[in-house]
C-alpha atoms as a PDB file:
ATOM      1  CA  UNK A   1      86.541 -69.048 -42.013  1.00  0.00           C
ATOM      2  CA  UNK A   2      84.704 -69.660 -38.683  1.00  0.00           C
ATOM      3  CA  UNK A   3      82.934 -72.880 -36.613  1.00  0.00           C
ATOM      4  CA  UNK A   4      80.367 -72.764 -34.411  1.00  0.00           C
ATOM      5  CA  UNK A   5      81.419 -73.874 -30.843  1.00  0.00           C
ATOM      6  CA  UNK A   6      77.574 -73.515 -28.952  1.00  0.00           C
ATOM      7  CA  UNK A   7      75.578 -70.391 -27.968  1.00  0.00           C
ATOM      8  CA  UNK A   8      75.992 -68.013 -30.955  1.00  0.00           C
ATOM      9  CA  UNK A   9      79.594 -68.332 -30.250  1.00  0.00           C
ATOM     10  CA  UNK A  10      82.173 -68.538 -33.645  1.00  0.00           C
ATOM     11  CA  UNK A  11      85.243 -68.757 -33.590  1.00  0.00           C
ATOM     12  CA  UNK A  12      88.095 -68.196 -36.467  1.00  0.00           C
ATOM     13  CA  UNK A  13      89.132 -72.184 -37.081  1.00  0.00           C
ATOM     14  CA  UNK A  14      92.691 -70.829 -37.690  1.00  0.00           C
ATOM     15  CA  UNK A  15      92.862 -69.985 -34.259  1.00  0.00           C
ATOM     16  CA  UNK A  16      92.366 -73.351 -32.750  1.00  0.00           C
ATOM     17  CA  UNK A  17      94.918 -74.709 -31.022  1.00  0.00           C
ATOM     18  CA  UNK A  18      93.239 -77.757 -29.683  1.00  0.00           C
ATOM     19  CA  UNK A  19      90.002 -79.228 -29.229  1.00  0.00           C
ATOM     20  CA  UNK A  20      89.516 -81.355 -26.315  1.00  0.00           C
ATOM     21  CA  UNK A  21      87.165 -83.629 -24.225  1.00  0.00           C
ATOM     22  CA  UNK A  22      86.286 -82.484 -20.870  1.00  0.00           C
ATOM     23  CA  UNK A  23      85.345 -85.257 -18.858  1.00  0.00           C
ATOM     24  CA  UNK A  24      88.473 -87.709 -20.494  1.00  0.00           C
ATOM     25  CA  UNK A  25      91.020 -85.001 -20.115  1.00  0.00           C
ATOM     26  CA  UNK A  26      90.367 -83.643 -16.153  1.00  0.00           C
ATOM     27  CA  UNK A  27      90.856 -87.239 -14.683  1.00  0.00           C
ATOM     28  CA  UNK A  28      94.309 -86.325 -14.205  1.00  0.00           C
ATOM     29  CA  UNK A  29      95.287 -83.472 -11.828  1.00  0.00           C
ATOM     30  CA  UNK A  30      97.144 -81.553 -14.299  1.00  0.00           C
ATOM     31  CA  UNK A  31      94.377 -80.613 -16.716  1.00  0.00           C
ATOM     32  CA  UNK A  32      92.197 -79.420 -13.944  1.00  0.00           C
ATOM     33  CA  UNK A  33      94.769 -77.250 -12.372  1.00  0.00           C
ATOM     34  CA  UNK A  34      95.666 -75.727 -16.015  1.00  0.00           C
ATOM     35  CA  UNK A  35      91.875 -75.047 -16.607  1.00  0.00           C
ATOM     36  CA  UNK A  36      91.252 -73.933 -12.805  1.00  0.00           C
ATOM     37  CA  UNK A  37      94.360 -71.342 -13.677  1.00  0.00           C
ATOM     38  CA  UNK A  38      93.506 -69.929 -16.495  1.00  0.00           C
ATOM     39  CA  UNK A  39      90.036 -69.607 -15.480  1.00  0.00           C
ATOM     40  CA  UNK A  40      91.649 -67.485 -11.997  1.00  0.00           C
ATOM     41  CA  UNK A  41      93.558 -65.615 -14.912  1.00  0.00           C
ATOM     42  CA  UNK A  42      90.184 -64.845 -17.142  1.00  0.00           C
ATOM     43  CA  UNK A  43      91.128 -67.055 -19.897  1.00  0.00           C
ATOM     44  CA  UNK A  44      88.088 -68.851 -19.883  1.00  0.00           C
ATOM     45  CA  UNK A  45      85.247 -68.383 -22.026  1.00  0.00           C
ATOM     46  CA  UNK A  46      81.699 -70.210 -20.979  1.00  0.00           C
ATOM     47  CA  UNK A  47      79.776 -70.168 -24.209  1.00  0.00           C
ATOM     48  CA  UNK A  48      76.849 -71.638 -22.569  1.00  0.00           C
ATOM     49  CA  UNK A  49      75.021 -71.978 -18.755  1.00  0.00           C
ATOM     50  CA  UNK A  50      74.635 -75.904 -19.909  1.00  0.00           C
ATOM     51  CA  UNK A  51      77.312 -78.249 -18.711  1.00  0.00           C
ATOM     52  CA  UNK A  52      80.474 -78.108 -20.829  1.00  0.00           C
ATOM     53  CA  UNK A  53      81.304 -81.603 -22.465  1.00  0.00           C
ATOM     54  CA  UNK A  54      84.823 -80.300 -24.323  1.00  0.00           C
ATOM     55  CA  UNK A  55      86.755 -76.967 -24.068  1.00  0.00           C
ATOM     56  CA  UNK A  56      88.632 -75.390 -27.386  1.00  0.00           C
ATOM     57  CA  UNK A  57      92.440 -73.791 -26.856  1.00  0.00           C
ATOM     58  CA  UNK A  58      92.863 -70.799 -29.052  1.00  0.00           C
ATOM     59  CA  UNK A  59      95.370 -68.091 -29.590  1.00  0.00           C
ATOM     60  CA  UNK A  60      94.138 -64.979 -30.538  1.00  0.00           C
ATOM     61  CA  UNK A  61      96.726 -61.545 -30.540  1.00  0.00           C
ATOM     62  CA  UNK A  62      99.164 -63.958 -29.011  1.00  0.00           C
ATOM     63  CA  UNK A  63      96.800 -64.507 -25.864  1.00  0.00           C
ATOM     64  CA  UNK A  64      95.479 -68.178 -25.225  1.00  0.00           C
ATOM     65  CA  UNK A  65      91.937 -68.151 -24.724  1.00  0.00           C
ATOM     66  CA  UNK A  66      89.878 -71.661 -23.777  1.00  0.00           C
ATOM     67  CA  UNK A  67      85.989 -71.765 -24.871  1.00  0.00           C
ATOM     68  CA  UNK A  68      83.712 -74.186 -22.706  1.00  0.00           C
ATOM     69  CA  UNK A  69      81.664 -75.644 -24.790  1.00  0.00           C
ATOM     70  CA  UNK A  70      78.236 -77.666 -24.478  1.00  0.00           C
ATOM     71  CA  UNK A  71      78.786 -79.123 -28.004  1.00  0.00           C
ATOM     72  CA  UNK A  72      80.656 -82.961 -27.774  1.00  0.00           C
ATOM     73  CA  UNK A  73      84.443 -82.977 -29.492  1.00  0.00           C
ATOM     74  CA  UNK A  74      83.354 -85.270 -32.067  1.00  0.00           C
ATOM     75  CA  UNK A  75      80.670 -82.629 -33.177  1.00  0.00           C
ATOM     76  CA  UNK A  76      83.184 -79.666 -33.093  1.00  0.00           C
ATOM     77  CA  UNK A  77      85.553 -81.700 -34.891  1.00  0.00           C
ATOM     78  CA  UNK A  78      83.233 -82.538 -37.607  1.00  0.00           C
ATOM     79  CA  UNK A  79      82.575 -79.007 -38.069  1.00  0.00           C
ATOM     80  CA  UNK A  80      86.244 -78.000 -38.578  1.00  0.00           C
ATOM     81  CA  UNK A  81      86.421 -81.177 -40.985  1.00  0.00           C
ATOM     82  CA  UNK A  82      84.227 -79.571 -43.002  1.00  0.00           C
ATOM     83  CA  UNK A  83      86.353 -76.346 -42.915  1.00  0.00           C
ATOM     84  CA  UNK A  84      89.208 -78.391 -43.730  1.00  0.00           C
ATOM     85  CA  UNK A  85      87.415 -79.969 -46.710  1.00  0.00           C
ATOM     86  CA  UNK A  86      86.220 -76.943 -48.012  1.00  0.00           C
ATOM     87  CA  UNK A  87      89.477 -75.223 -48.065  1.00  0.00           C
ATOM     88  CA  UNK A  88      91.226 -78.263 -49.441  1.00  0.00           C
ATOM     89  CA  UNK A  89      88.577 -78.347 -52.396  1.00  0.00           C
ATOM     90  CA  UNK A  90      89.791 -74.616 -53.362  1.00  0.00           C
ATOM     91  CA  UNK A  91      93.616 -75.751 -53.000  1.00  0.00           C
ATOM     92  CA  UNK A  92      92.475 -78.274 -55.514  1.00  0.00           C
ATOM     93  CA  UNK A  93      90.986 -76.282 -57.967  1.00  0.00           C
ATOM     94  CA  UNK A  94      92.925 -73.510 -57.772  1.00  0.00           C
ATOM     95  CA  UNK A  95      96.134 -76.133 -58.791  1.00  0.00           C
ATOM     96  CA  UNK A  96      94.246 -77.284 -61.473  1.00  0.00           C
ATOM     97  CA  UNK A  97      93.846 -73.957 -63.022  1.00  0.00           C
ATOM     98  CA  UNK A  98      89.835 -74.410 -62.627  1.00  0.00           C
END
């Protein structure tokens, strides 16, 4: 299953490690340094020319990728939750034998 993270970018949900608020997490220098190094090493993908509100860390083929998204953390979390709810409903039906 995939989620849309902004501007025609979709990513597999099962590759998501975390979704983070860009403004709230870059208050400390540690996160800013992490994102700077990741960008310098080519691991950051901007999904929009607009100001990013969040970043999504993923692992694909044993490689970390960081997507900068113009969507809020709450919007992205709702999309992941919707996917998880659908998955849980399918699992319940399978267990019950429906």
